[in-house]
Amino acid sequence: PYDLTFGPDGSLYVAGLLSNAIHRYHGSTGVSLGNFTAGGNLTAPTGI
């Protein structure tokens, strides 16, 4: 994990540098909600 932010929907979004994805977590419990996105040749995201 490299960078993180809370979205307008209350979810926590985390840039996974080596997973090449933006992961989404429940904003209150931290439970994984799966990848928000991993497409479009996303490689080593470091900021959101």
ModelCIF file with pLDDT and N, C-alpha, C, O atoms, coordinates in Angstrom:
data_MODEL
#
_entry.id   MODEL 
#
_entity.id                         1 
_entity.type                       polymer 
_entity.pdbx_number_of_molecules   1 
#
_entity_poly.entity_id                      1 
_entity_poly.type                           'polypeptide(L)' 
_entity_poly.nstd_linkage                   no 
_entity_poly.nstd_monomer                   no 
_entity_poly.pdbx_seq_one_letter_code       PYDLTFGPDGSLYVAGLLSNAIHRYHGSTGVSLGNFTAGGNLTAPTGI 
_entity_poly.pdbx_seq_one_letter_code_can   PYDLTFGPDGSLYVAGLLSNAIHRYHGSTGVSLGNFTAGGNLTAPTGI 
_entity_poly.pdbx_strand_id                 A 
#
loop_
_entity_poly_seq.entity_id 
_entity_poly_seq.num 
_entity_poly_seq.mon_id 
_entity_poly_seq.hetero 
1 1  PRO n 
1 2  TYR n 
1 3  ASP n 
1 4  LEU n 
1 5  THR n 
1 6  PHE n 
1 7  GLY n 
1 8  PRO n 
1 9  ASP n 
1 10 GLY n 
1 11 SER n 
1 12 LEU n 
1 13 TYR n 
1 14 VAL n 
1 15 ALA n 
1 16 GLY n 
1 17 LEU n 
1 18 LEU n 
1 19 SER n 
1 20 ASN n 
1 21 ALA n 
1 22 ILE n 
1 23 HIS n 
1 24 ARG n 
1 25 TYR n 
1 26 HIS n 
1 27 GLY n 
1 28 SER n 
1 29 THR n 
1 30 GLY n 
1 31 VAL n 
1 32 SER n 
1 33 LEU n 
1 34 GLY n 
1 35 ASN n 
1 36 PHE n 
1 37 THR n 
1 38 ALA n 
1 39 GLY n 
1 40 GLY n 
1 41 ASN n 
1 42 LEU n 
1 43 THR n 
1 44 ALA n 
1 45 PRO n 
1 46 THR n 
1 47 GLY n 
1 48 ILE n 
#
_struct_asym.id          A 
_struct_asym.entity_id   1 
#
loop_
_ma_qa_metric.id 
_ma_qa_metric.mode 
_ma_qa_metric.name 
_ma_qa_metric.software_group_id 
_ma_qa_metric.type 
1 global pLDDT . pLDDT 
2 local  pLDDT . pLDDT 
#
_ma_qa_metric_global.metric_id      1 
_ma_qa_metric_global.metric_value   94.40 
_ma_qa_metric_global.model_id       1 
_ma_qa_metric_global.ordinal_id     1 
#
loop_
_ma_qa_metric_local.label_asym_id 
_ma_qa_metric_local.label_comp_id 
_ma_qa_metric_local.label_seq_id 
_ma_qa_metric_local.metric_id 
_ma_qa_metric_local.metric_value 
_ma_qa_metric_local.model_id 
_ma_qa_metric_local.ordinal_id 
A PRO 1  2 96.00 1 1  
A TYR 2  2 94.00 1 2  
A ASP 3  2 95.00 1 3  
A LEU 4  2 97.00 1 4  
A THR 5  2 97.00 1 5  
A PHE 6  2 97.00 1 6  
A GLY 7  2 97.00 1 7  
A PRO 8  2 96.00 1 8  
A ASP 9  2 97.00 1 9  
A GLY 10 2 97.00 1 10 
A SER 11 2 98.00 1 11 
A LEU 12 2 98.00 1 12 
A TYR 13 2 97.00 1 13 
A VAL 14 2 97.00 1 14 
A ALA 15 2 96.00 1 15 
A GLY 16 2 95.00 1 16 
A LEU 17 2 94.00 1 17 
A LEU 18 2 94.00 1 18 
A SER 19 2 93.00 1 19 
A ASN 20 2 94.00 1 20 
A ALA 21 2 95.00 1 21 
A ILE 22 2 96.00 1 22 
A HIS 23 2 96.00 1 23 
A ARG 24 2 97.00 1 24 
A TYR 25 2 98.00 1 25 
A HIS 26 2 98.00 1 26 
A GLY 27 2 97.00 1 27 
A SER 28 2 97.00 1 28 
A THR 29 2 97.00 1 29 
A GLY 30 2 97.00 1 30 
A VAL 31 2 97.00 1 31 
A SER 32 2 97.00 1 32 
A LEU 33 2 97.00 1 33 
A GLY 34 2 94.00 1 34 
A ASN 35 2 94.00 1 35 
A PHE 36 2 94.00 1 36 
A THR 37 2 91.00 1 37 
A ALA 38 2 83.00 1 38 
A GLY 39 2 81.00 1 39 
A GLY 40 2 85.00 1 40 
A ASN 41 2 89.00 1 41 
A LEU 42 2 91.00 1 42 
A THR 43 2 93.00 1 43 
A ALA 44 2 94.00 1 44 
A PRO 45 2 94.00 1 45 
A THR 46 2 91.00 1 46 
A GLY 47 2 88.00 1 47 
A ILE 48 2 91.00 1 48 
#
loop_
_atom_site.group_PDB 
_atom_site.id 
_atom_site.type_symbol 
_atom_site.label_atom_id 
_atom_site.label_alt_id 
_atom_site.label_comp_id 
_atom_site.label_asym_id 
_atom_site.label_entity_id 
_atom_site.label_seq_id 
_atom_site.pdbx_PDB_ins_code 
_atom_site.Cartn_x 
_atom_site.Cartn_y 
_atom_site.Cartn_z 
_atom_site.occupancy 
_atom_site.B_iso_or_equiv 
_atom_site.pdbx_formal_charge 
_atom_site.auth_seq_id 
_atom_site.auth_comp_id 
_atom_site.auth_asym_id 
_atom_site.auth_atom_id 
_atom_site.pdbx_PDB_model_num 
ATOM 1   N N  . PRO A 1 1  ? 0.838   -1.198 0.000   1.00 96.00 ? 1  PRO A N  1 
ATOM 2   C CA . PRO A 1 1  ? 0.000   0.000  0.000   1.00 96.00 ? 1  PRO A CA 1 
ATOM 3   C C  . PRO A 1 1  ? 0.870   1.244  0.000   1.00 96.00 ? 1  PRO A C  1 
ATOM 4   O O  . PRO A 1 1  ? 1.866   1.323  0.720   1.00 96.00 ? 1  PRO A O  1 
ATOM 5   N N  . TYR A 1 2  ? 0.487   2.202  -0.807  1.00 94.00 ? 2  TYR A N  1 
ATOM 6   C CA . TYR A 1 2  ? 1.320   3.388  -0.956  1.00 94.00 ? 2  TYR A CA 1 
ATOM 7   C C  . TYR A 1 2  ? 0.601   4.659  -0.530  1.00 94.00 ? 2  TYR A C  1 
ATOM 8   O O  . TYR A 1 2  ? 1.144   5.458  0.233   1.00 94.00 ? 2  TYR A O  1 
ATOM 9   N N  . ASP A 1 3  ? -0.593  4.844  -1.011  1.00 95.00 ? 3  ASP A N  1 
ATOM 10  C CA . ASP A 1 3  ? -1.341  6.058  -0.712  1.00 95.00 ? 3  ASP A CA 1 
ATOM 11  C C  . ASP A 1 3  ? -2.775  5.671  -0.411  1.00 95.00 ? 3  ASP A C  1 
ATOM 12  O O  . ASP A 1 3  ? -3.233  4.607  -0.828  1.00 95.00 ? 3  ASP A O  1 
ATOM 13  N N  . LEU A 1 4  ? -3.486  6.522  0.308   1.00 97.00 ? 4  LEU A N  1 
ATOM 14  C CA . LEU A 1 4  ? -4.873  6.212  0.637   1.00 97.00 ? 4  LEU A CA 1 
ATOM 15  C C  . LEU A 1 4  ? -5.683  7.483  0.778   1.00 97.00 ? 4  LEU A C  1 
ATOM 16  O O  . LEU A 1 4  ? -5.160  8.566  1.043   1.00 97.00 ? 4  LEU A O  1 
ATOM 17  N N  . THR A 1 5  ? -6.982  7.307  0.591   1.00 97.00 ? 5  THR A N  1 
ATOM 18  C CA . THR A 1 5  ? -7.907  8.431  0.775   1.00 97.00 ? 5  THR A CA 1 
ATOM 19  C C  . THR A 1 5  ? -9.305  7.877  1.026   1.00 97.00 ? 5  THR A C  1 
ATOM 20  O O  . THR A 1 5  ? -9.638  6.777  0.584   1.00 97.00 ? 5  THR A O  1 
ATOM 21  N N  . PHE A 1 6  ? -10.102 8.636  1.728   1.00 97.00 ? 6  PHE A N  1 
ATOM 22  C CA . PHE A 1 6  ? -11.511 8.283  1.882   1.00 97.00 ? 6  PHE A CA 1 
ATOM 23  C C  . PHE A 1 6  ? -12.281 8.943  0.752   1.00 97.00 ? 6  PHE A C  1 
ATOM 24  O O  . PHE A 1 6  ? -12.099 10.129 0.477   1.00 97.00 ? 6  PHE A O  1 
ATOM 25  N N  . GLY A 1 7  ? -13.139 8.174  0.098   1.00 97.00 ? 7  GLY A N  1 
ATOM 26  C CA . GLY A 1 7  ? -13.944 8.683  -0.999  1.00 97.00 ? 7  GLY A CA 1 
ATOM 27  C C  . GLY A 1 7  ? -15.238 9.303  -0.505  1.00 97.00 ? 7  GLY A C  1 
ATOM 28  O O  . GLY A 1 7  ? -15.567 9.194  0.676   1.00 97.00 ? 7  GLY A O  1 
ATOM 29  N N  . PRO A 1 8  ? -15.977 9.951  -1.396  1.00 96.00 ? 8  PRO A N  1 
ATOM 30  C CA . PRO A 1 8  ? -17.243 10.579 -1.030  1.00 96.00 ? 8  PRO A CA 1 
ATOM 31  C C  . PRO A 1 8  ? -18.297 9.571  -0.571  1.00 96.00 ? 8  PRO A C  1 
ATOM 32  O O  . PRO A 1 8  ? -19.278 9.938  0.075   1.00 96.00 ? 8  PRO A O  1 
ATOM 33  N N  . ASP A 1 9  ? -18.083 8.293  -0.911  1.00 97.00 ? 9  ASP A N  1 
ATOM 34  C CA . ASP A 1 9  ? -19.008 7.245  -0.471  1.00 97.00 ? 9  ASP A CA 1 
ATOM 35  C C  . ASP A 1 9  ? -18.645 6.699  0.903   1.00 97.00 ? 9  ASP A C  1 
ATOM 36  O O  . ASP A 1 9  ? -19.323 5.804  1.406   1.00 97.00 ? 9  ASP A O  1 
ATOM 37  N N  . GLY A 1 10 ? -17.580 7.227  1.524   1.00 97.00 ? 10 GLY A N  1 
ATOM 38  C CA . GLY A 1 10 ? -17.159 6.783  2.847   1.00 97.00 ? 10 GLY A CA 1 
ATOM 39  C C  . GLY A 1 10 ? -16.195 5.613  2.828   1.00 97.00 ? 10 GLY A C  1 
ATOM 40  O O  . GLY A 1 10 ? -15.680 5.221  3.875   1.00 97.00 ? 10 GLY A O  1 
ATOM 41  N N  . SER A 1 11 ? -15.943 5.049  1.657   1.00 98.00 ? 11 SER A N  1 
ATOM 42  C CA . SER A 1 11 ? -15.010 3.929  1.541   1.00 98.00 ? 11 SER A CA 1 
ATOM 43  C C  . SER A 1 11 ? -13.576 4.430  1.595   1.00 98.00 ? 11 SER A C  1 
ATOM 44  O O  . SER A 1 11 ? -13.289 5.570  1.230   1.00 98.00 ? 11 SER A O  1 
ATOM 45  N N  . LEU A 1 12 ? -12.676 3.559  2.057   1.00 98.00 ? 12 LEU A N  1 
ATOM 46  C CA . LEU A 1 12 ? -11.251 3.860  2.044   1.00 98.00 ? 12 LEU A CA 1 
ATOM 47  C C  . LEU A 1 12 ? -10.659 3.270  0.773   1.00 98.00 ? 12 LEU A C  1 
ATOM 48  O O  . LEU A 1 12 ? -10.818 2.078  0.508   1.00 98.00 ? 12 LEU A O  1 
ATOM 49  N N  . TYR A 1 13 ? -9.979  4.092  -0.011  1.00 97.00 ? 13 TYR A N  1 
ATOM 50  C CA . TYR A 1 13 ? -9.347  3.659  -1.255  1.00 97.00 ? 13 TYR A CA 1 
ATOM 51  C C  . TYR A 1 13 ? -7.844  3.654  -1.050  1.00 97.00 ? 13 TYR A C  1 
ATOM 52  O O  . TYR A 1 13 ? -7.275  4.622  -0.545  1.00 97.00 ? 13 TYR A O  1 
ATOM 53  N N  . VAL A 1 14 ? -7.199  2.557  -1.446  1.00 97.00 ? 14 VAL A N  1 
ATOM 54  C CA . VAL A 1 14 ? -5.764  2.399  -1.215  1.00 97.00 ? 14 VAL A CA 1 
ATOM 55  C C  . VAL A 1 14 ? -5.075  2.020  -2.515  1.00 97.00 ? 14 VAL A C  1 
ATOM 56  O O  . VAL A 1 14 ? -5.483  1.073  -3.188  1.00 97.00 ? 14 VAL A O  1 
ATOM 57  N N  . ALA A 1 15 ? -4.025  2.765  -2.868  1.00 96.00 ? 15 ALA A N  1 
ATOM 58  C CA . ALA A 1 15 ? -3.220  2.437  -4.044  1.00 96.00 ? 15 ALA A CA 1 
ATOM 59  C C  . ALA A 1 15 ? -2.246  1.328  -3.670  1.00 96.00 ? 15 ALA A C  1 
ATOM 60  O O  . ALA A 1 15 ? -1.418  1.492  -2.775  1.00 96.00 ? 15 ALA A O  1 
ATOM 61  N N  . GLY A 1 16 ? -2.352  0.188  -4.367  1.00 95.00 ? 16 GLY A N  1 
ATOM 62  C CA . GLY A 1 16 ? -1.451  -0.934 -4.147  1.00 95.00 ? 16 GLY A CA 1 
ATOM 63  C C  . GLY A 1 16 ? -0.317  -0.890 -5.158  1.00 95.00 ? 16 GLY A C  1 
ATOM 64  O O  . GLY A 1 16 ? -0.510  -1.229 -6.325  1.00 95.00 ? 16 GLY A O  1 
ATOM 65  N N  . LEU A 1 17 ? 0.856   -0.477 -4.719  1.00 94.00 ? 17 LEU A N  1 
ATOM 66  C CA . LEU A 1 17 ? 1.986   -0.281 -5.622  1.00 94.00 ? 17 LEU A CA 1 
ATOM 67  C C  . LEU A 1 17 ? 2.313   -1.537 -6.431  1.00 94.00 ? 17 LEU A C  1 
ATOM 68  O O  . LEU A 1 17 ? 2.474   -1.459 -7.649  1.00 94.00 ? 17 LEU A O  1 
ATOM 69  N N  . LEU A 1 18 ? 2.413   -2.684 -5.774  1.00 94.00 ? 18 LEU A N  1 
ATOM 70  C CA . LEU A 1 18 ? 2.780   -3.909 -6.486  1.00 94.00 ? 18 LEU A CA 1 
ATOM 71  C C  . LEU A 1 18 ? 1.591   -4.774 -6.888  1.00 94.00 ? 18 LEU A C  1 
ATOM 72  O O  . LEU A 1 18 ? 1.754   -5.740 -7.633  1.00 94.00 ? 18 LEU A O  1 
ATOM 73  N N  . SER A 1 19 ? 0.406   -4.440 -6.407  1.00 93.00 ? 19 SER A N  1 
ATOM 74  C CA . SER A 1 19 ? -0.779  -5.182 -6.853  1.00 93.00 ? 19 SER A CA 1 
ATOM 75  C C  . SER A 1 19 ? -1.404  -4.525 -8.079  1.00 93.00 ? 19 SER A C  1 
ATOM 76  O O  . SER A 1 19 ? -2.347  -5.058 -8.662  1.00 93.00 ? 19 SER A O  1 
ATOM 77  N N  . ASN A 1 20 ? -0.868  -3.350 -8.473  1.00 94.00 ? 20 ASN A N  1 
ATOM 78  C CA . ASN A 1 20 ? -1.346  -2.650 -9.671  1.00 94.00 ? 20 ASN A CA 1 
ATOM 79  C C  . ASN A 1 20 ? -2.850  -2.428 -9.655  1.00 94.00 ? 20 ASN A C  1 
ATOM 80  O O  . ASN A 1 20 ? -3.538  -2.631 -10.656 1.00 94.00 ? 20 ASN A O  1 
ATOM 81  N N  . ALA A 1 21 ? -3.346  -2.006 -8.493  1.00 95.00 ? 21 ALA A N  1 
ATOM 82  C CA . ALA A 1 21 ? -4.786  -1.821 -8.349  1.00 95.00 ? 21 ALA A CA 1 
ATOM 83  C C  . ALA A 1 21 ? -5.077  -0.754 -7.299  1.00 95.00 ? 21 ALA A C  1 
ATOM 84  O O  . ALA A 1 21 ? -4.233  -0.429 -6.464  1.00 95.00 ? 21 ALA A O  1 
ATOM 85  N N  . ILE A 1 22 ? -6.288  -0.223 -7.363  1.00 96.00 ? 22 ILE A N  1 
ATOM 86  C CA . ILE A 1 22 ? -6.838  0.605  -6.299  1.00 96.00 ? 22 ILE A CA 1 
ATOM 87  C C  . ILE A 1 22 ? -7.825  -0.284 -5.559  1.00 96.00 ? 22 ILE A C  1 
ATOM 88  O O  . ILE A 1 22 ? -8.816  -0.745 -6.125  1.00 96.00 ? 22 ILE A O  1 
ATOM 89  N N  . HIS A 1 23 ? -7.537  -0.514 -4.295  1.00 96.00 ? 23 HIS A N  1 
ATOM 90  C CA . HIS A 1 23 ? -8.360  -1.393 -3.467  1.00 96.00 ? 23 HIS A CA 1 
ATOM 91  C C  . HIS A 1 23 ? -9.366  -0.554 -2.685  1.00 96.00 ? 23 HIS A C  1 
ATOM 92  O O  . HIS A 1 23 ? -9.102  0.601  -2.351  1.00 96.00 ? 23 HIS A O  1 
ATOM 93  N N  . ARG A 1 24 ? -10.514 -1.147 -2.400  1.00 97.00 ? 24 ARG A N  1 
ATOM 94  C CA . ARG A 1 24 ? -11.563 -0.432 -1.664  1.00 97.00 ? 24 ARG A CA 1 
ATOM 95  C C  . ARG A 1 24 ? -11.889 -1.198 -0.394  1.00 97.00 ? 24 ARG A C  1 
ATOM 96  O O  . ARG A 1 24 ? -12.029 -2.421 -0.413  1.00 97.00 ? 24 ARG A O  1 
ATOM 97  N N  . TYR A 1 25 ? -12.010 -0.467 0.713   1.00 98.00 ? 25 TYR A N  1 
ATOM 98  C CA . TYR A 1 25 ? -12.332 -1.045 2.018   1.00 98.00 ? 25 TYR A CA 1 
ATOM 99  C C  . TYR A 1 25 ? -13.492 -0.288 2.641   1.00 98.00 ? 25 TYR A C  1 
ATOM 100 O O  . TYR A 1 25 ? -13.642 0.917  2.442   1.00 98.00 ? 25 TYR A O  1 
ATOM 101 N N  . HIS A 1 26 ? -14.305 -1.002 3.392   1.00 98.00 ? 26 HIS A N  1 
ATOM 102 C CA . HIS A 1 26 ? -15.414 -0.373 4.098   1.00 98.00 ? 26 HIS A CA 1 
ATOM 103 C C  . HIS A 1 26 ? -14.843 0.681  5.036   1.00 98.00 ? 26 HIS A C  1 
ATOM 104 O O  . HIS A 1 26 ? -13.925 0.391  5.802   1.00 98.00 ? 26 HIS A O  1 
ATOM 105 N N  . GLY A 1 27 ? -15.368 1.887  4.988   1.00 97.00 ? 27 GLY A N  1 
ATOM 106 C CA . GLY A 1 27 ? -14.813 3.013  5.721   1.00 97.00 ? 27 GLY A CA 1 
ATOM 107 C C  . GLY A 1 27 ? -14.938 2.937  7.229   1.00 97.00 ? 27 GLY A C  1 
ATOM 108 O O  . GLY A 1 27 ? -14.222 3.643  7.939   1.00 97.00 ? 27 GLY A O  1 
ATOM 109 N N  . SER A 1 28 ? -15.835 2.093  7.740   1.00 97.00 ? 28 SER A N  1 
ATOM 110 C CA . SER A 1 28 ? -15.997 1.971  9.190   1.00 97.00 ? 28 SER A CA 1 
ATOM 111 C C  . SER A 1 28 ? -15.382 0.703  9.751   1.00 97.00 ? 28 SER A C  1 
ATOM 112 O O  . SER A 1 28 ? -14.875 0.696  10.873  1.00 97.00 ? 28 SER A O  1 
ATOM 113 N N  . THR A 1 29 ? -15.424 -0.373 8.968   1.00 97.00 ? 29 THR A N  1 
ATOM 114 C CA . THR A 1 29 ? -14.969 -1.670 9.480   1.00 97.00 ? 29 THR A CA 1 
ATOM 115 C C  . THR A 1 29 ? -13.619 -2.103 8.930   1.00 97.00 ? 29 THR A C  1 
ATOM 116 O O  . THR A 1 29 ? -12.952 -2.937 9.542   1.00 97.00 ? 29 THR A O  1 
ATOM 117 N N  . GLY A 1 30 ? -13.196 -1.560 7.792   1.00 97.00 ? 30 GLY A N  1 
ATOM 118 C CA . GLY A 1 30 ? -11.948 -1.972 7.170   1.00 97.00 ? 30 GLY A CA 1 
ATOM 119 C C  . GLY A 1 30 ? -12.040 -3.259 6.373   1.00 97.00 ? 30 GLY A C  1 
ATOM 120 O O  . GLY A 1 30 ? -11.025 -3.760 5.888   1.00 97.00 ? 30 GLY A O  1 
ATOM 121 N N  . VAL A 1 31 ? -13.235 -3.800 6.231   1.00 97.00 ? 31 VAL A N  1 
ATOM 122 C CA . VAL A 1 31 ? -13.426 -5.035 5.472   1.00 97.00 ? 31 VAL A CA 1 
ATOM 123 C C  . VAL A 1 31 ? -13.193 -4.757 3.982   1.00 97.00 ? 31 VAL A C  1 
ATOM 124 O O  . VAL A 1 31 ? -13.675 -3.763 3.440   1.00 97.00 ? 31 VAL A O  1 
ATOM 125 N N  . SER A 1 32 ? -12.447 -5.655 3.335   1.00 97.00 ? 32 SER A N  1 
ATOM 126 C CA . SER A 1 32 ? -12.161 -5.487 1.912   1.00 97.00 ? 32 SER A CA 1 
ATOM 127 C C  . SER A 1 32 ? -13.442 -5.563 1.093   1.00 97.00 ? 32 SER A C  1 
ATOM 128 O O  . SER A 1 32 ? -14.265 -6.459 1.282   1.00 97.00 ? 32 SER A O  1 
ATOM 129 N N  . LEU A 1 33 ? -13.595 -4.612 0.185   1.00 97.00 ? 33 LEU A N  1 
ATOM 130 C CA . LEU A 1 33 ? -14.722 -4.612 -0.744  1.00 97.00 ? 33 LEU A CA 1 
ATOM 131 C C  . LEU A 1 33 ? -14.249 -4.957 -2.156  1.00 97.00 ? 33 LEU A C  1 
ATOM 132 O O  . LEU A 1 33 ? -14.994 -4.810 -3.125  1.00 97.00 ? 33 LEU A O  1 
ATOM 133 N N  . GLY A 1 34 ? -12.992 -5.421 -2.258  1.00 94.00 ? 34 GLY A N  1 
ATOM 134 C CA . GLY A 1 34 ? -12.425 -5.811 -3.543  1.00 94.00 ? 34 GLY A CA 1 
ATOM 135 C C  . GLY A 1 34 ? -11.735 -4.654 -4.233  1.00 94.00 ? 34 GLY A C  1 
ATOM 136 O O  . GLY A 1 34 ? -11.643 -3.551 -3.694  1.00 94.00 ? 34 GLY A O  1 
ATOM 137 N N  . ASN A 1 35 ? -11.261 -4.920 -5.416  1.00 94.00 ? 35 ASN A N  1 
ATOM 138 C CA . ASN A 1 35 ? -10.593 -3.887 -6.202  1.00 94.00 ? 35 ASN A CA 1 
ATOM 139 C C  . ASN A 1 35 ? -11.607 -2.886 -6.730  1.00 94.00 ? 35 ASN A C  1 
ATOM 140 O O  . ASN A 1 35 ? -12.667 -3.266 -7.226  1.00 94.00 ? 35 ASN A O  1 
ATOM 141 N N  . PHE A 1 36 ? -11.278 -1.618 -6.623  1.00 94.00 ? 36 PHE A N  1 
ATOM 142 C CA . PHE A 1 36 ? -12.091 -0.602 -7.261  1.00 94.00 ? 36 PHE A CA 1 
ATOM 143 C C  . PHE A 1 36 ? -11.765 -0.568 -8.746  1.00 94.00 ? 36 PHE A C  1 
ATOM 144 O O  . PHE A 1 36 ? -12.660 -0.498 -9.589  1.00 94.00 ? 36 PHE A O  1 
ATOM 145 N N  . THR A 1 37 ? -10.476 -0.619 -9.056  1.00 91.00 ? 37 THR A N  1 
ATOM 146 C CA . THR A 1 37 ? -10.052 -0.680 -10.449 1.00 91.00 ? 37 THR A CA 1 
ATOM 147 C C  . THR A 1 37 ? -8.671  -1.307 -10.532 1.00 91.00 ? 37 THR A C  1 
ATOM 148 O O  . THR A 1 37 ? -7.854  -1.175 -9.621  1.00 91.00 ? 37 THR A O  1 
ATOM 149 N N  . ALA A 1 38 ? -8.429  -1.985 -11.631 1.00 83.00 ? 38 ALA A N  1 
ATOM 150 C CA . ALA A 1 38 ? -7.107  -2.555 -11.896 1.00 83.00 ? 38 ALA A CA 1 
ATOM 151 C C  . ALA A 1 38 ? -6.867  -2.570 -13.393 1.00 83.00 ? 38 ALA A C  1 
ATOM 152 O O  . ALA A 1 38 ? -5.956  -3.242 -13.876 1.00 83.00 ? 38 ALA A O  1 
ATOM 153 N N  . GLY A 1 39 ? -7.678  -1.836 -14.121 1.00 81.00 ? 39 GLY A N  1 
ATOM 154 C CA . GLY A 1 39 ? -7.603  -1.864 -15.573 1.00 81.00 ? 39 GLY A CA 1 
ATOM 155 C C  . GLY A 1 39 ? -6.827  -0.710 -16.170 1.00 81.00 ? 39 GLY A C  1 
ATOM 156 O O  . GLY A 1 39 ? -6.208  0.078  -15.454 1.00 81.00 ? 39 GLY A O  1 
ATOM 157 N N  . GLY A 1 40 ? -6.864  -0.619 -17.468 1.00 85.00 ? 40 GLY A N  1 
ATOM 158 C CA . GLY A 1 40 ? -6.258  0.486  -18.196 1.00 85.00 ? 40 GLY A CA 1 
ATOM 159 C C  . GLY A 1 40 ? -4.761  0.550  -18.079 1.00 85.00 ? 40 GLY A C  1 
ATOM 160 O O  . GLY A 1 40 ? -4.172  1.631  -18.080 1.00 85.00 ? 40 GLY A O  1 
ATOM 161 N N  . ASN A 1 41 ? -4.140  -0.616 -17.977 1.00 89.00 ? 41 ASN A N  1 
ATOM 162 C CA . ASN A 1 41 ? -2.675  -0.679 -17.833 1.00 89.00 ? 41 ASN A CA 1 
ATOM 163 C C  . ASN A 1 41 ? -2.163  0.061  -16.605 1.00 89.00 ? 41 ASN A C  1 
ATOM 164 O O  . ASN A 1 41 ? -1.071  0.628  -16.630 1.00 89.00 ? 41 ASN A O  1 
ATOM 165 N N  . LEU A 1 42 ? -2.944  0.057  -15.536 1.00 91.00 ? 42 LEU A N  1 
ATOM 166 C CA . LEU A 1 42 ? -2.519  0.669  -14.292 1.00 91.00 ? 42 LEU A CA 1 
ATOM 167 C C  . LEU A 1 42 ? -1.301  -0.063 -13.761 1.00 91.00 ? 42 LEU A C  1 
ATOM 168 O O  . LEU A 1 42 ? -1.359  -1.264 -13.495 1.00 91.00 ? 42 LEU A O  1 
ATOM 169 N N  . THR A 1 43 ? -0.200  0.657  -13.606 1.00 93.00 ? 43 THR A N  1 
ATOM 170 C CA . THR A 1 43 ? 1.044   0.039  -13.176 1.00 93.00 ? 43 THR A CA 1 
ATOM 171 C C  . THR A 1 43 ? 1.643   0.834  -12.025 1.00 93.00 ? 43 THR A C  1 
ATOM 172 O O  . THR A 1 43 ? 1.919   2.027  -12.155 1.00 93.00 ? 43 THR A O  1 
ATOM 173 N N  . ALA A 1 44 ? 1.839   0.161  -10.905 1.00 94.00 ? 44 ALA A N  1 
ATOM 174 C CA . ALA A 1 44 ? 2.488   0.741  -9.712  1.00 94.00 ? 44 ALA A CA 1 
ATOM 175 C C  . ALA A 1 44 ? 1.882   2.082  -9.303  1.00 94.00 ? 44 ALA A C  1 
ATOM 176 O O  . ALA A 1 44 ? 2.599   3.083  -9.268  1.00 94.00 ? 44 ALA A O  1 
ATOM 177 N N  . PRO A 1 45 ? 0.575   2.135  -8.990  1.00 94.00 ? 45 PRO A N  1 
ATOM 178 C CA . PRO A 1 45 ? -0.017  3.397  -8.583  1.00 94.00 ? 45 PRO A CA 1 
ATOM 179 C C  . PRO A 1 45 ? 0.593   3.879  -7.273  1.00 94.00 ? 45 PRO A C  1 
ATOM 180 O O  . PRO A 1 45 ? 0.734   3.115  -6.319  1.00 94.00 ? 45 PRO A O  1 
ATOM 181 N N  . THR A 1 46 ? 0.951   5.157  -7.244  1.00 91.00 ? 46 THR A N  1 
ATOM 182 C CA . THR A 1 46 ? 1.600   5.709  -6.057  1.00 91.00 ? 46 THR A CA 1 
ATOM 183 C C  . THR A 1 46 ? 0.866   6.898  -5.473  1.00 91.00 ? 46 THR A C  1 
ATOM 184 O O  . THR A 1 46 ? 1.320   7.459  -4.476  1.00 91.00 ? 46 THR A O  1 
ATOM 185 N N  . GLY A 1 47 ? -0.235  7.299  -6.048  1.00 88.00 ? 47 GLY A N  1 
ATOM 186 C CA . GLY A 1 47 ? -0.960  8.437  -5.484  1.00 88.00 ? 47 GLY A CA 1 
ATOM 187 C C  . GLY A 1 47 ? -2.399  8.444  -5.935  1.00 88.00 ? 47 GLY A C  1 
ATOM 188 O O  . GLY A 1 47 ? -2.711  8.109  -7.077  1.00 88.00 ? 47 GLY A O  1 
ATOM 189 N N  . ILE A 1 48 ? -3.265  8.826  -5.033  1.00 91.00 ? 48 ILE A N  1 
ATOM 190 C CA . ILE A 1 48 ? -4.682  8.979  -5.364  1.00 91.00 ? 48 ILE A CA 1 
ATOM 191 C C  . ILE A 1 48 ? -5.211  10.211 -4.630  1.00 91.00 ? 48 ILE A C  1 
ATOM 192 O O  . ILE A 1 48 ? -6.389  10.545 -4.753  1.00 91.00 ? 48 ILE A O  1 
#
